[in-house]
PDB file of N, CA and C in Angstrom:
ATOM      1  N   MET A   1      -5.899  -9.026   0.262  1.00  0.00           N
ATOM      2  CA  MET A   1      -5.975  -8.018  -0.752  1.00  0.00           C
ATOM      3  C   MET A   1      -4.964  -8.387  -1.825  1.00  0.00           C
ATOM      4  N   ILE A   2      -5.364  -8.371  -3.074  1.00  0.00           N
ATOM      5  CA  ILE A   2      -4.471  -8.607  -4.197  1.00  0.00           C
ATOM      6  C   ILE A   2      -4.331  -7.305  -4.967  1.00  0.00           C
ATOM      7  N   VAL A   3      -3.074  -6.889  -5.180  1.00  0.00           N
ATOM      8  CA  VAL A   3      -2.783  -5.697  -5.981  1.00  0.00           C
ATOM      9  C   VAL A   3      -2.109  -6.182  -7.250  1.00  0.00           C
ATOM     10  N   ALA A   4      -2.750  -5.976  -8.388  1.00  0.00           N
ATOM     11  CA  ALA A   4      -2.211  -6.451  -9.661  1.00  0.00           C
ATOM     12  C   ALA A   4      -2.193  -5.309 -10.667  1.00  0.00           C
ATOM     13  N   GLY A   5      -1.264  -5.410 -11.613  1.00  0.00           N
ATOM     14  CA  GLY A   5      -1.145  -4.379 -12.634  1.00  0.00           C
ATOM     15  C   GLY A   5      -0.335  -3.206 -12.139  1.00  0.00           C
ATOM     16  N   GLY A   6      -0.228  -2.176 -12.928  1.00  0.00           N
ATOM     17  CA  GLY A   6       0.455  -0.961 -12.517  1.00  0.00           C
ATOM     18  C   GLY A   6       1.960  -1.048 -12.467  1.00  0.00           C
ATOM     19  N   GLY A   7       2.542  -2.122 -13.007  1.00  0.00           N
ATOM     20  CA  GLY A   7       3.987  -2.251 -13.019  1.00  0.00           C
ATOM     21  C   GLY A   7       4.582  -2.740 -11.708  1.00  0.00           C
ATOM     22  N   TYR A   8       3.786  -3.295 -10.801  1.00  0.00           N
ATOM     23  CA  TYR A   8       4.294  -3.804  -9.534  1.00  0.00           C
ATOM     24  C   TYR A   8       4.867  -5.199  -9.720  1.00  0.00           C
ATOM     25  N   LYS A   9       5.827  -5.565  -8.865  1.00  0.00           N
ATOM     26  CA  LYS A   9       6.387  -6.916  -8.892  1.00  0.00           C
ATOM     27  C   LYS A   9       5.373  -7.852  -8.240  1.00  0.00           C
ATOM     28  N   HIS A  10       4.940  -8.847  -8.980  1.00  0.00           N
ATOM     29  CA  HIS A  10       3.873  -9.722  -8.507  1.00  0.00           C
ATOM     30  C   HIS A  10       4.381 -11.052  -7.957  1.00  0.00           C
ATOM     31  N   GLN A  11       5.672 -11.223  -7.818  1.00  0.00           N
ATOM     32  CA  GLN A  11       6.218 -12.494  -7.363  1.00  0.00           C
ATOM     33  C   GLN A  11       6.258 -12.606  -5.841  1.00  0.00           C
ATOM     34  N   THR A  12       5.837 -11.592  -5.137  1.00  0.00           N
ATOM     35  CA  THR A  12       5.953 -11.623  -3.685  1.00  0.00           C
ATOM     36  C   THR A  12       4.602 -11.839  -3.015  1.00  0.00           C
ATOM     37  N   HIS A  13       4.675 -12.411  -1.837  1.00  0.00           N
ATOM     38  CA  HIS A  13       3.504 -12.627  -0.985  1.00  0.00           C
ATOM     39  C   HIS A  13       3.910 -12.120   0.392  1.00  0.00           C
ATOM     40  N   THR A  14       3.168 -11.202   0.949  1.00  0.00           N
ATOM     41  CA  THR A  14       3.520 -10.612   2.237  1.00  0.00           C
ATOM     42  C   THR A  14       2.416 -10.884   3.246  1.00  0.00           C
ATOM     43  N   VAL A  15       2.808 -11.393   4.401  1.00  0.00           N
ATOM     44  CA  VAL A  15       1.882 -11.588   5.511  1.00  0.00           C
ATOM     45  C   VAL A  15       2.331 -10.650   6.627  1.00  0.00           C
ATOM     46  N   LEU A  16       1.445  -9.777   7.044  1.00  0.00           N
ATOM     47  CA  LEU A  16       1.776  -8.822   8.108  1.00  0.00           C
ATOM     48  C   LEU A  16       1.613  -9.490   9.465  1.00  0.00           C
ATOM     49  N   GLU A  17       2.482  -9.131  10.402  1.00  0.00           N
ATOM     50  CA  GLU A  17       2.489  -9.777  11.714  1.00  0.00           C
ATOM     51  C   GLU A  17       1.327  -9.358  12.611  1.00  0.00           C
ATOM     52  N   LYS A  18       0.867  -8.136  12.460  1.00  0.00           N
ATOM     53  CA  LYS A  18      -0.206  -7.663  13.333  1.00  0.00           C
ATOM     54  C   LYS A  18      -1.288  -7.000  12.487  1.00  0.00           C
ATOM     55  N   PRO A  19      -2.493  -6.871  13.037  1.00  0.00           N
ATOM     56  CA  PRO A  19      -3.557  -6.202  12.276  1.00  0.00           C
ATOM     57  C   PRO A  19      -3.138  -4.793  11.856  1.00  0.00           C
ATOM     58  N   THR A  20      -3.392  -4.485  10.596  1.00  0.00           N
ATOM     59  CA  THR A  20      -2.985  -3.206  10.018  1.00  0.00           C
ATOM     60  C   THR A  20      -4.160  -2.625   9.238  1.00  0.00           C
ATOM     61  N   PRO A  21      -4.434  -1.337   9.400  1.00  0.00           N
ATOM     62  CA  PRO A  21      -5.542  -0.739   8.642  1.00  0.00           C
ATOM     63  C   PRO A  21      -5.321  -0.875   7.131  1.00  0.00           C
ATOM     64  N   LEU A  22      -6.339  -1.297   6.422  1.00  0.00           N
ATOM     65  CA  LEU A  22      -6.260  -1.416   4.974  1.00  0.00           C
ATOM     66  C   LEU A  22      -6.026  -0.055   4.337  1.00  0.00           C
ATOM     67  N   CYS A  23      -6.424   0.990   5.019  1.00  0.00           N
ATOM     68  CA  CYS A  23      -6.202   2.349   4.510  1.00  0.00           C
ATOM     69  C   CYS A  23      -4.714   2.656   4.336  1.00  0.00           C
ATOM     70  N   ASN A  24      -3.830   1.959   5.072  1.00  0.00           N
ATOM     71  CA  ASN A  24      -2.390   2.137   4.871  1.00  0.00           C
ATOM     72  C   ASN A  24      -2.003   1.738   3.449  1.00  0.00           C
ATOM     73  N   LEU A  25      -2.567   0.638   2.962  1.00  0.00           N
ATOM     74  CA  LEU A  25      -2.294   0.196   1.594  1.00  0.00           C
ATOM     75  C   LEU A  25      -2.860   1.191   0.588  1.00  0.00           C
ATOM     76  N   TYR A  26      -4.056   1.675   0.837  1.00  0.00           N
ATOM     77  CA  TYR A  26      -4.652   2.662  -0.066  1.00  0.00           C
ATOM     78  C   TYR A  26      -3.805   3.930  -0.124  1.00  0.00           C
ATOM     79  N   LEU A  27      -3.282   4.369   1.020  1.00  0.00           N
ATOM     80  CA  LEU A  27      -2.422   5.547   1.048  1.00  0.00           C
ATOM     81  C   LEU A  27      -1.159   5.304   0.227  1.00  0.00           C
ATOM     82  N   GLU A  28      -0.581   4.112   0.359  1.00  0.00           N
ATOM     83  CA  GLU A  28       0.613   3.787  -0.417  1.00  0.00           C
ATOM     84  C   GLU A  28       0.314   3.758  -1.911  1.00  0.00           C
ATOM     85  N   LEU A  29      -0.834   3.222  -2.299  1.00  0.00           N
ATOM     86  CA  LEU A  29      -1.225   3.226  -3.714  1.00  0.00           C
ATOM     87  C   LEU A  29      -1.348   4.655  -4.236  1.00  0.00           C
ATOM     88  N   LEU A  30      -1.934   5.535  -3.450  1.00  0.00           N
ATOM     89  CA  LEU A  30      -2.043   6.937  -3.851  1.00  0.00           C
ATOM     90  C   LEU A  30      -0.665   7.562  -4.030  1.00  0.00           C
ATOM     91  N   HIS A  31       0.247   7.295  -3.097  1.00  0.00           N
ATOM     92  CA  HIS A  31       1.602   7.842  -3.196  1.00  0.00           C
ATOM     93  C   HIS A  31       2.326   7.314  -4.425  1.00  0.00           C
ATOM     94  N   LYS A  32       2.147   6.032  -4.756  1.00  0.00           N
ATOM     95  CA  LYS A  32       2.802   5.443  -5.927  1.00  0.00           C
ATOM     96  C   LYS A  32       2.309   6.061  -7.232  1.00  0.00           C
ATOM     97  N   HIS A  33       1.119   6.641  -7.192  1.00  0.00           N
ATOM     98  CA  HIS A  33       0.550   7.281  -8.381  1.00  0.00           C
ATOM     99  C   HIS A  33       0.614   8.799  -8.270  1.00  0.00           C
ATOM    100  N   ASN A  34       1.601   9.276  -7.499  1.00  0.00           N
ATOM    101  CA  ASN A  34       1.918  10.700  -7.362  1.00  0.00           C
ATOM    102  C   ASN A  34       0.765  11.552  -6.837  1.00  0.00           C
ATOM    103  N   ILE A  35      -0.042  10.980  -5.969  1.00  0.00           N
ATOM    104  CA  ILE A  35      -1.084  11.739  -5.282  1.00  0.00           C
ATOM    105  C   ILE A  35      -0.632  11.846  -3.833  1.00  0.00           C
ATOM    106  N   ASP A  36      -0.155  13.023  -3.459  1.00  0.00           N
ATOM    107  CA  ASP A  36       0.485  13.205  -2.163  1.00  0.00           C
ATOM    108  C   ASP A  36      -0.524  13.663  -1.120  1.00  0.00           C
ATOM    109  N   LEU A  37      -1.048  12.691  -0.375  1.00  0.00           N
ATOM    110  CA  LEU A  37      -1.943  12.984   0.740  1.00  0.00           C
ATOM    111  C   LEU A  37      -1.242  12.604   2.029  1.00  0.00           C
ATOM    112  N   GLY A  38      -1.462  13.345   3.070  1.00  0.00           N
ATOM    113  CA  GLY A  38      -0.859  13.028   4.354  1.00  0.00           C
ATOM    114  C   GLY A  38      -1.502  11.834   5.024  1.00  0.00           C
ATOM    115  N   SER A  39      -2.797  11.631   4.762  1.00  0.00           N
ATOM    116  CA  SER A  39      -3.503  10.505   5.356  1.00  0.00           C
ATOM    117  C   SER A  39      -4.682  10.129   4.464  1.00  0.00           C
ATOM    118  N   PHE A  40      -5.206   8.935   4.693  1.00  0.00           N
ATOM    119  CA  PHE A  40      -6.384   8.470   3.977  1.00  0.00           C
ATOM    120  C   PHE A  40      -7.183   7.621   4.953  1.00  0.00           C
ATOM    121  N   GLY A  41      -8.366   8.054   5.281  1.00  0.00           N
ATOM    122  CA  GLY A  41      -9.193   7.315   6.232  1.00  0.00           C
ATOM    123  C   GLY A  41      -8.482   7.148   7.556  1.00  0.00           C
ATOM    124  N   SER A  42      -8.347   5.900   8.005  1.00  0.00           N
ATOM    125  CA  SER A  42      -7.687   5.610   9.287  1.00  0.00           C
ATOM    126  C   SER A  42      -6.215   5.239   9.103  1.00  0.00           C
ATOM    127  N   SER A  43      -5.621   5.650   7.982  1.00  0.00           N
ATOM    128  CA  SER A  43      -4.226   5.285   7.718  1.00  0.00           C
ATOM    129  C   SER A  43      -3.303   5.833   8.794  1.00  0.00           C
ATOM    130  N   GLN A  44      -2.256   5.077   9.066  1.00  0.00           N
ATOM    131  CA  GLN A  44      -1.281   5.476  10.060  1.00  0.00           C
ATOM    132  C   GLN A  44       0.066   5.791   9.426  1.00  0.00           C
ATOM    133  N   LYS A  45       0.418   5.074   8.361  1.00  0.00           N
ATOM    134  CA  LYS A  45       1.706   5.295   7.705  1.00  0.00           C
ATOM    135  C   LYS A  45       1.744   4.564   6.372  1.00  0.00           C
ATOM    136  N   ASN A  46       2.710   4.935   5.551  1.00  0.00           N
ATOM    137  CA  ASN A  46       2.991   4.245   4.309  1.00  0.00           C
ATOM    138  C   ASN A  46       3.789   2.998   4.659  1.00  0.00           C
ATOM    139  N   MET A  47       3.346   1.812   4.227  1.00  0.00           N
ATOM    140  CA  MET A  47       3.976   0.561   4.630  1.00  0.00           C
ATOM    141  C   MET A  47       5.158   0.162   3.752  1.00  0.00           C
ATOM    142  N   ASN A  48       5.359   0.834   2.628  1.00  0.00           N
ATOM    143  CA  ASN A  48       6.444   0.509   1.698  1.00  0.00           C
ATOM    144  C   ASN A  48       6.453  -0.959   1.284  1.00  0.00           C
ATOM    145  N   LEU A  49       5.286  -1.488   0.954  1.00  0.00           N
ATOM    146  CA  LEU A  49       5.175  -2.874   0.527  1.00  0.00           C
ATOM    147  C   LEU A  49       5.115  -3.034  -0.986  1.00  0.00           C
ATOM    148  N   LEU A  50       4.748  -1.981  -1.689  1.00  0.00           N
ATOM    149  CA  LEU A  50       4.585  -2.078  -3.138  1.00  0.00           C
ATOM    150  C   LEU A  50       5.899  -1.742  -3.824  1.00  0.00           C
ATOM    151  N   ASN A  51       6.438  -2.683  -4.539  1.00  0.00           N
ATOM    152  CA  ASN A  51       7.654  -2.476  -5.311  1.00  0.00           C
ATOM    153  C   ASN A  51       7.302  -2.369  -6.772  1.00  0.00           C
ATOM    154  N   SER A  52       7.949  -1.458  -7.454  1.00  0.00           N
ATOM    155  CA  SER A  52       7.685  -1.329  -8.894  1.00  0.00           C
ATOM    156  C   SER A  52       8.969  -1.486  -9.667  1.00  0.00           C
TER     157      SER A  52
END
C-alpha cells in the first residue's frame, strides 16, 4: 500500500513483521483527518505509522 499526499513524510518504508488487517491503516487515515471512529471494518488498532 502506498500512501502519498496529505502532508505525510514520504521518506520512510515500513515492513510489518506479521500479517495486519489493512483496515488498521484505513482507521489511522480517518483519525489523521479528524474523523473519530472506534473501528473500521476488521480494524484492531491504530498503528501510528503515518507521520505528518
